[in-house]
Amino acid sequence: VKESVMNKQLIKIILFDIKSNLLSCLLLTFQMIVAFFVIGNLCSITAYKTVTVNALDGFDFPKNCYSPSSTDIYTDGGIVVDYDDIEKERNLSYYIAENYKTEGRSEFCEEKDGTDYSLTVITEHYFDIFGFEVSKGRLFQNAEYGKDLSDNPPVVLGSDFENDYSIGDLYLDKYEVVGILKSGMKTTFLQGDKSSVVSADDDVFIPVMSIESMKAQGIDYPTSLIYADDKSDLAAINDYAAENGMNTYNFISADETRQLIDLVSTKADISLIVISSIIIILAVFSMIQSTLLYVRKNIRELLIHMICGASQSDILLRISAEVLIINLVSVVVSSLIFMSLRTTLVFMLTGIATAVIAVVPVMVSIKRKPLIMQIKEEK
């Protein structure tokens, strides 16, 4: 009972100490949250780099394929905008399809009962490039590509639809289900350092139709990948885009995408490591200074606390409580921002290391020169 009472008293004292130094605690907490935010972005970039590059290595991209990546802005009648006219982009896709061999995907919506449902048009080798496999049914047959739109065209569903549809069912009362993909199938768009890996579990795939049928339906032709013996052979695409007041394009291969992601990620990693290290070092020095100042200001009170029965551990806990709480709050807040287990573990390890580094010098100082000796020297 006595120990319980003393623990409650210790908690009250610690809370009072923090309240007395609240502004400094808040500033240090904010500083640590900023540091963790930078570290969190570093973790995100590292994870993105690992996932994307590994995925690109696992995909079977043709060597002579390039992906068009649009520039940021273009001028339409003197007005700067950050997107192209949909009709112009669609006509550009038809131009590319008529003059180049392409692979990839495009999306269109099918309306039913007031709800739009997205379908993905894919080219003949799309499934092969990304290694898609079915859990039920089959993938598309070669003869099903490039045809005019017919009654009950075939579709392959992502794994999310497995419990809702069987082979032979009609999706949206119109499209015949011929296959359901295995869970975890992934795809990507080659967009340089903005490339990302996306799940295909909720996609609905339909084989590409003839260009005439695509035009009649108002559907973009899939041009995610464009075949060319040399990148210079794609210059006509930019000429067509410029003539129509559209964005020009950068064309990038899978190998160039990997190299660009490595380059950009490395530069970002170095910058974020330097920034986070500086912030944490400054925070640690501030914590050490704050803790030493606390001991000097409250040395008599700490000694009285010991005379009244506080153990050495109680005194050490009281002295280090401010640092521990600052790091704890910073870790919790930062973890809620990023919502990632891996990032949270990094925050925890960084917080523990920071707390230890900040507290150890004070503990060593007290061990070398007990409180009673410090009071005598002060007198």
Protein backbone atom coordinates (compact mmCIF):
# COMPACT_ATOMS: atom_id res chain seq x y z
CA VAL A 1 0.00 0.00 0.00
CA LYS A 2 2.82 2.36 0.92
CA GLU A 3 4.56 1.63 -2.39
CA SER A 4 1.34 2.30 -4.29
CA VAL A 5 0.88 5.65 -2.56
CA MET A 6 4.47 6.64 -3.28
CA ASN A 7 4.05 5.69 -6.97
CA LYS A 8 0.95 7.89 -7.20
CA GLN A 9 2.83 10.73 -5.55
CA LEU A 10 5.71 10.25 -8.00
CA ILE A 11 3.31 10.46 -10.94
CA LYS A 12 1.80 13.67 -9.55
CA ILE A 13 5.26 15.17 -9.09
CA ILE A 14 6.28 14.23 -12.64
CA LEU A 15 3.10 15.75 -14.07
CA PHE A 16 3.68 18.90 -12.05
CA ASP A 17 7.26 19.11 -13.34
CA ILE A 18 6.06 18.80 -16.94
CA LYS A 19 3.33 21.38 -16.38
CA SER A 20 5.92 23.78 -14.96
CA ASN A 21 8.01 23.35 -18.10
CA LEU A 22 5.12 22.90 -20.57
CA LEU A 23 6.25 25.34 -23.26
CA SER A 24 9.68 23.75 -23.56
CA CYS A 25 8.11 20.27 -23.67
CA LEU A 26 5.72 21.30 -26.44
CA LEU A 27 8.51 22.84 -28.51
CA LEU A 28 10.69 19.74 -28.16
CA THR A 29 7.73 17.49 -28.98
CA PHE A 30 7.00 19.51 -32.12
CA GLN A 31 10.66 19.31 -33.06
CA MET A 32 10.65 15.52 -32.70
CA ILE A 33 7.40 15.19 -34.68
CA VAL A 34 8.99 17.19 -37.52
CA ALA A 35 12.02 14.89 -37.40
CA PHE A 36 9.78 11.80 -37.43
CA PHE A 37 7.78 13.27 -40.32
CA VAL A 38 10.98 13.55 -42.35
CA ILE A 39 11.98 10.01 -41.32
CA GLY A 40 8.51 8.77 -42.26
CA ASN A 41 8.86 10.23 -45.74
CA LEU A 42 12.27 8.61 -45.98
CA CYS A 43 10.69 5.24 -45.09
CA SER A 44 7.93 5.81 -47.65
CA ILE A 45 10.45 6.59 -50.41
CA THR A 46 12.52 3.53 -49.50
CA ALA A 47 9.43 1.30 -49.48
CA TYR A 48 8.24 2.77 -52.80
CA LYS A 49 11.64 2.20 -54.37
CA THR A 50 11.83 -1.40 -53.12
CA VAL A 51 8.30 -2.35 -54.12
CA THR A 52 8.34 -0.64 -57.52
CA VAL A 53 11.78 -1.78 -58.64
CA ASN A 54 11.13 -5.36 -57.49
CA ALA A 55 7.82 -5.33 -59.33
CA LEU A 56 9.42 -3.96 -62.50
CA ASP A 57 12.03 -6.71 -62.32
CA GLY A 58 9.22 -9.26 -62.11
CA PHE A 59 7.34 -7.94 -65.16
CA ASP A 60 8.25 -9.06 -68.67
CA PHE A 61 8.48 -5.73 -70.50
CA PRO A 62 9.60 -5.96 -74.15
CA LYS A 63 13.01 -4.39 -74.76
CA ASN A 64 11.82 -2.06 -77.52
CA CYS A 65 8.77 -0.69 -75.69
CA TYR A 66 8.41 2.87 -74.42
CA SER A 67 5.78 4.44 -72.20
CA PRO A 68 4.61 7.99 -72.93
CA SER A 69 4.78 10.30 -69.93
CA SER A 70 2.97 13.60 -70.47
CA THR A 71 4.60 16.93 -69.61
CA ASP A 72 2.99 18.95 -66.85
CA ILE A 73 1.20 21.79 -68.65
CA TYR A 74 0.19 22.98 -72.07
CA THR A 75 -1.46 26.08 -73.49
CA ASP A 76 -4.95 25.97 -74.96
CA GLY A 77 -5.90 29.27 -76.62
CA GLY A 78 -3.48 31.18 -74.44
CA ILE A 79 -4.81 29.63 -71.24
CA VAL A 80 -2.37 27.42 -69.30
CA VAL A 81 -4.00 24.22 -68.07
CA ASP A 82 -2.64 21.09 -66.40
CA TYR A 83 -4.62 18.51 -68.37
CA ASP A 84 -5.34 17.73 -71.98
CA ASP A 85 -8.75 17.84 -73.61
CA ILE A 86 -10.23 14.35 -73.35
CA GLU A 87 -11.28 14.30 -76.99
CA LYS A 88 -7.80 15.37 -78.10
CA GLU A 89 -6.18 12.65 -75.99
CA ARG A 90 -8.57 10.07 -77.43
CA ASN A 91 -7.77 11.11 -80.99
CA LEU A 92 -4.07 10.96 -80.15
CA SER A 93 -4.52 7.35 -78.94
CA TYR A 94 -6.14 6.49 -82.28
CA TYR A 95 -3.27 8.17 -84.15
CA ILE A 96 -0.72 6.15 -82.16
CA ALA A 97 -2.63 2.89 -82.67
CA GLU A 98 -2.85 3.47 -86.43
CA ASN A 99 0.87 4.20 -86.78
CA TYR A 100 2.55 2.08 -84.08
CA LYS A 101 2.18 -1.28 -82.44
CA THR A 102 1.04 -0.77 -78.84
CA GLU A 103 0.41 -2.65 -75.62
CA GLY A 104 -1.34 -1.57 -72.45
CA ARG A 105 -4.69 -0.63 -71.04
CA SER A 106 -7.32 2.08 -71.12
CA GLU A 107 -10.48 2.61 -69.11
CA PHE A 108 -14.07 3.38 -69.92
CA CYS A 109 -17.27 3.41 -67.89
CA GLU A 110 -20.46 1.44 -68.37
CA GLU A 111 -23.59 2.92 -66.79
CA LYS A 112 -26.24 0.76 -65.19
CA ASP A 113 -29.11 1.88 -62.94
CA GLY A 114 -27.52 5.27 -62.47
CA THR A 115 -24.12 3.86 -61.41
CA ASP A 116 -20.92 3.96 -63.48
CA TYR A 117 -18.84 0.78 -63.59
CA SER A 118 -15.24 0.93 -64.78
CA LEU A 119 -13.92 -1.56 -67.35
CA THR A 120 -10.32 -1.89 -68.51
CA VAL A 121 -9.53 -2.51 -72.16
CA ILE A 122 -6.28 -4.46 -72.61
CA THR A 123 -4.13 -5.48 -75.58
CA GLU A 124 -3.17 -8.99 -76.61
CA HIS A 125 0.03 -9.41 -74.57
CA TYR A 126 -0.98 -7.41 -71.50
CA PHE A 127 -1.64 -10.49 -69.34
CA ASP A 128 1.68 -12.02 -70.45
CA ILE A 129 3.70 -8.90 -69.60
CA PHE A 130 2.40 -8.79 -66.04
CA GLY A 131 2.21 -12.55 -65.51
CA PHE A 132 -1.52 -12.71 -64.78
CA GLU A 133 -3.01 -16.08 -63.88
CA VAL A 134 -6.59 -17.22 -63.29
CA SER A 135 -8.05 -19.10 -60.35
CA LYS A 136 -11.11 -20.01 -62.41
CA GLY A 137 -11.83 -20.18 -66.11
CA ARG A 138 -9.35 -18.81 -68.65
CA LEU A 139 -7.67 -15.70 -69.98
CA PHE A 140 -8.66 -14.22 -73.34
CA GLN A 141 -7.93 -16.15 -76.54
CA ASN A 142 -6.02 -14.52 -79.39
CA ALA A 143 -9.10 -14.58 -81.61
CA GLU A 144 -11.00 -12.41 -79.08
CA TYR A 145 -8.71 -9.40 -79.56
CA GLY A 146 -9.22 -6.76 -82.23
CA LYS A 147 -12.82 -7.65 -83.03
CA ASP A 148 -15.79 -5.35 -83.40
CA LEU A 149 -17.93 -5.04 -80.28
CA SER A 150 -20.40 -7.93 -80.22
CA ASP A 151 -23.14 -9.23 -77.96
CA ASN A 152 -21.87 -10.57 -74.64
CA PRO A 153 -18.15 -9.79 -75.12
CA PRO A 154 -15.84 -11.72 -72.76
CA VAL A 155 -14.46 -10.25 -69.54
CA VAL A 156 -11.93 -11.43 -66.97
CA LEU A 157 -12.63 -10.29 -63.41
CA GLY A 158 -10.24 -9.50 -60.58
CA SER A 159 -10.24 -11.72 -57.51
CA ASP A 160 -12.56 -9.37 -55.59
CA PHE A 161 -15.44 -10.65 -57.75
CA GLU A 162 -14.78 -14.34 -57.07
CA ASN A 163 -17.66 -14.76 -54.61
CA ASP A 164 -20.13 -12.80 -56.74
CA TYR A 165 -19.67 -14.33 -60.19
CA SER A 166 -19.13 -17.76 -61.73
CA ILE A 167 -17.77 -18.65 -65.15
CA GLY A 168 -20.49 -18.05 -67.72
CA ASP A 169 -22.34 -15.39 -65.71
CA LEU A 170 -23.09 -12.02 -67.29
CA TYR A 171 -21.36 -9.00 -65.75
CA LEU A 172 -23.71 -5.99 -65.88
CA ASP A 173 -26.11 -8.28 -67.80
CA LYS A 174 -23.94 -7.78 -70.87
CA TYR A 175 -20.40 -9.14 -70.55
CA GLU A 176 -19.73 -12.87 -70.31
CA VAL A 177 -17.35 -13.86 -67.49
CA VAL A 178 -14.72 -16.24 -68.91
CA GLY A 179 -12.14 -16.03 -66.11
CA ILE A 180 -11.40 -14.81 -62.59
CA LEU A 181 -7.86 -13.81 -61.69
CA LYS A 182 -5.84 -15.13 -58.78
CA SER A 183 -5.57 -12.80 -55.81
CA GLY A 184 -2.58 -10.48 -55.68
CA MET A 185 -2.13 -9.83 -59.39
CA LYS A 186 -0.41 -6.47 -59.91
CA THR A 187 0.27 -4.08 -62.74
CA THR A 188 2.02 -0.75 -63.25
CA PHE A 189 2.24 2.32 -65.44
CA LEU A 190 5.72 3.38 -66.52
CA GLN A 191 5.74 7.06 -65.54
CA GLY A 192 9.38 7.59 -64.64
CA ASP A 193 9.95 8.30 -60.95
CA LYS A 194 6.16 8.56 -60.54
CA SER A 195 5.64 4.93 -61.58
CA SER A 196 3.62 2.91 -59.12
CA VAL A 197 2.48 -0.66 -58.66
CA VAL A 198 -1.29 -1.12 -58.40
CA SER A 199 -3.48 -4.09 -57.57
CA ALA A 200 -5.66 -5.69 -60.24
CA ASP A 201 -7.94 -7.41 -57.72
CA ASP A 202 -10.85 -5.04 -58.37
CA ASP A 203 -10.36 -4.63 -62.13
CA VAL A 204 -12.64 -5.86 -64.90
CA PHE A 205 -10.75 -6.59 -68.12
CA ILE A 206 -12.11 -6.71 -71.66
CA PRO A 207 -10.06 -7.47 -74.83
CA VAL A 208 -9.22 -4.55 -77.08
CA MET A 209 -11.63 -4.04 -79.97
CA SER A 210 -10.86 -2.88 -83.48
CA ILE A 211 -9.89 0.77 -83.85
CA GLU A 212 -13.13 1.44 -85.72
CA SER A 213 -15.17 -0.08 -82.91
CA MET A 214 -13.18 1.86 -80.29
CA LYS A 215 -13.85 5.09 -82.20
CA ALA A 216 -17.54 4.29 -82.46
CA GLN A 217 -17.74 3.64 -78.72
CA GLY A 218 -15.64 6.70 -77.85
CA ILE A 219 -13.04 4.62 -75.95
CA ASP A 220 -9.33 5.49 -75.78
CA TYR A 221 -7.12 2.96 -77.51
CA PRO A 222 -4.59 1.38 -75.10
CA THR A 223 -1.20 3.01 -75.66
CA SER A 224 0.53 2.50 -72.32
CA LEU A 225 3.45 0.91 -74.17
CA ILE A 226 4.55 1.81 -77.69
CA TYR A 227 6.89 -0.33 -79.78
CA ALA A 228 9.76 1.42 -81.54
CA ASP A 229 13.19 0.28 -82.72
CA ASP A 230 14.58 3.61 -81.52
CA LYS A 231 13.14 6.35 -79.33
CA SER A 232 13.62 8.85 -82.15
CA ASP A 233 10.99 6.93 -84.13
CA LEU A 234 8.39 8.28 -81.68
CA ALA A 235 9.01 11.93 -82.59
CA ALA A 236 5.96 11.95 -84.86
CA ILE A 237 3.74 11.51 -81.80
CA ASN A 238 5.01 14.77 -80.30
CA ASP A 239 4.64 16.48 -83.66
CA TYR A 240 0.98 15.41 -83.78
CA ALA A 241 0.44 16.51 -80.15
CA ALA A 242 2.05 19.92 -80.78
CA GLU A 243 -0.04 20.48 -83.90
CA ASN A 244 -3.18 19.90 -81.83
CA GLY A 245 -2.12 22.16 -78.95
CA MET A 246 -1.48 19.28 -76.58
CA ASN A 247 1.23 18.21 -74.19
CA THR A 248 4.32 16.72 -75.71
CA TYR A 249 5.56 13.46 -74.23
CA ASN A 250 8.66 11.98 -72.72
CA PHE A 251 9.12 8.34 -73.69
CA ILE A 252 10.71 6.03 -71.16
CA SER A 253 11.55 2.33 -71.14
CA ALA A 254 11.37 -0.07 -68.19
CA ASP A 255 15.17 0.01 -67.76
CA GLU A 256 15.20 3.82 -67.82
CA THR A 257 12.39 3.82 -65.26
CA ARG A 258 14.42 1.65 -62.90
CA GLN A 259 17.47 3.88 -63.28
CA LEU A 260 15.43 7.05 -62.76
CA ILE A 261 13.73 5.67 -59.63
CA ASP A 262 17.15 4.68 -58.22
CA LEU A 263 18.60 8.11 -59.00
CA VAL A 264 15.70 10.17 -57.64
CA SER A 265 15.26 7.96 -54.56
CA THR A 266 18.97 8.11 -53.72
CA LYS A 267 19.00 11.91 -53.92
CA ALA A 268 15.86 12.11 -51.78
CA ASP A 269 17.28 9.60 -49.29
CA ILE A 270 20.46 11.62 -48.79
CA SER A 271 18.57 14.89 -48.36
CA LEU A 272 16.06 13.43 -45.89
CA ILE A 273 18.76 11.64 -43.88
CA VAL A 274 20.74 14.88 -43.53
CA ILE A 275 17.65 16.92 -42.58
CA SER A 276 16.31 14.39 -40.06
CA SER A 277 19.78 13.91 -38.51
CA ILE A 278 20.22 17.66 -38.01
CA ILE A 279 16.77 18.02 -36.43
CA ILE A 280 17.27 15.03 -34.11
CA ILE A 281 20.76 16.15 -33.07
CA LEU A 282 19.42 19.61 -32.21
CA ALA A 283 16.52 18.01 -30.32
CA VAL A 284 18.89 15.75 -28.35
CA PHE A 285 21.10 18.69 -27.37
CA SER A 286 18.01 20.63 -26.34
CA MET A 287 16.80 17.70 -24.23
CA ILE A 288 20.19 17.29 -22.56
CA GLN A 289 20.35 21.02 -21.81
CA SER A 290 16.76 21.04 -20.52
CA THR A 291 17.38 18.02 -18.28
CA LEU A 292 20.62 19.42 -16.84
CA LEU A 293 18.89 22.73 -16.24
CA TYR A 294 16.04 20.92 -14.50
CA VAL A 295 18.50 19.17 -12.16
CA ARG A 296 20.28 22.43 -11.31
CA LYS A 297 17.03 24.29 -10.66
CA ASN A 298 15.48 21.53 -8.55
CA ILE A 299 18.53 20.03 -6.89
CA ARG A 300 17.31 20.81 -3.32
CA GLU A 301 13.83 19.51 -4.07
CA LEU A 302 15.29 16.31 -5.52
CA LEU A 303 17.42 15.83 -2.40
CA ILE A 304 14.38 16.40 -0.14
CA HIS A 305 12.49 13.88 -2.25
CA MET A 306 15.22 11.31 -1.53
CA ILE A 307 15.21 12.12 2.19
CA CYS A 308 11.42 11.55 2.18
CA GLY A 309 11.89 8.02 0.89
CA ALA A 310 12.33 8.25 -2.86
CA SER A 311 14.72 5.66 -4.26
CA GLN A 312 17.53 6.37 -6.68
CA SER A 313 15.33 4.87 -9.42
CA ASP A 314 12.51 7.28 -8.54
CA ILE A 315 14.82 10.26 -8.86
CA LEU A 316 16.23 9.02 -12.17
CA LEU A 317 12.70 8.42 -13.49
CA ARG A 318 11.63 11.90 -12.39
CA ILE A 319 14.60 13.47 -14.14
CA SER A 320 14.16 11.48 -17.38
CA ALA A 321 10.33 11.53 -17.44
CA GLU A 322 10.16 14.68 -19.54
CA VAL A 323 12.40 13.20 -22.24
CA LEU A 324 10.54 9.88 -22.23
CA ILE A 325 7.11 11.53 -22.54
CA ILE A 326 8.30 13.86 -25.32
CA ASN A 327 9.52 10.89 -27.35
CA LEU A 328 6.44 8.79 -26.55
CA VAL A 329 4.01 11.51 -27.67
CA SER A 330 6.10 12.16 -30.80
CA VAL A 331 6.11 8.47 -31.74
CA VAL A 332 2.34 8.11 -31.20
CA VAL A 333 1.42 11.24 -33.17
CA SER A 334 3.80 10.41 -36.04
CA SER A 335 2.56 6.82 -36.20
CA LEU A 336 -1.03 8.04 -36.50
CA ILE A 337 0.03 10.26 -39.40
CA PHE A 338 1.70 7.51 -41.42
CA MET A 339 -0.33 4.48 -40.29
CA SER A 340 2.42 2.01 -41.22
CA LEU A 341 3.74 -0.77 -38.98
CA ARG A 342 7.20 -0.62 -40.52
CA THR A 343 7.39 3.15 -40.12
CA THR A 344 6.09 2.91 -36.53
CA LEU A 345 8.89 0.46 -35.65
CA VAL A 346 11.42 2.91 -37.09
CA PHE A 347 9.87 5.72 -35.02
CA MET A 348 10.02 3.58 -31.86
CA LEU A 349 13.68 2.64 -32.36
CA THR A 350 14.58 6.25 -33.14
CA GLY A 351 12.63 7.49 -30.11
CA ILE A 352 14.29 4.99 -27.77
CA ALA A 353 17.75 5.85 -29.10
CA THR A 354 17.05 9.57 -28.80
CA ALA A 355 15.79 9.21 -25.21
CA VAL A 356 18.79 7.13 -24.17
CA ILE A 357 21.28 9.52 -25.76
CA ALA A 358 19.55 12.51 -24.13
CA VAL A 359 19.33 10.99 -20.63
CA VAL A 360 22.64 9.14 -20.30
CA PRO A 361 24.86 12.26 -19.92
CA VAL A 362 22.65 13.51 -17.08
CA MET A 363 22.67 10.12 -15.36
CA VAL A 364 26.45 9.90 -15.65
CA SER A 365 26.78 13.40 -14.26
CA ILE A 366 24.65 12.53 -11.21
CA LYS A 367 26.49 9.26 -10.66
CA ARG A 368 29.87 10.98 -10.72
CA LYS A 369 28.69 13.82 -8.52
CA PRO A 370 25.76 12.94 -6.21
CA LEU A 371 23.13 15.57 -5.44
CA ILE A 372 24.45 16.24 -1.94
CA MET A 373 27.91 17.05 -3.33
CA GLN A 374 26.40 19.35 -5.95
CA ILE A 375 24.55 21.25 -3.18
CA LYS A 376 27.75 21.61 -1.17
CA GLU A 377 29.62 22.94 -4.20
CA GLU A 378 26.78 25.35 -4.89
CA LYS A 379 27.04 26.68 -1.32
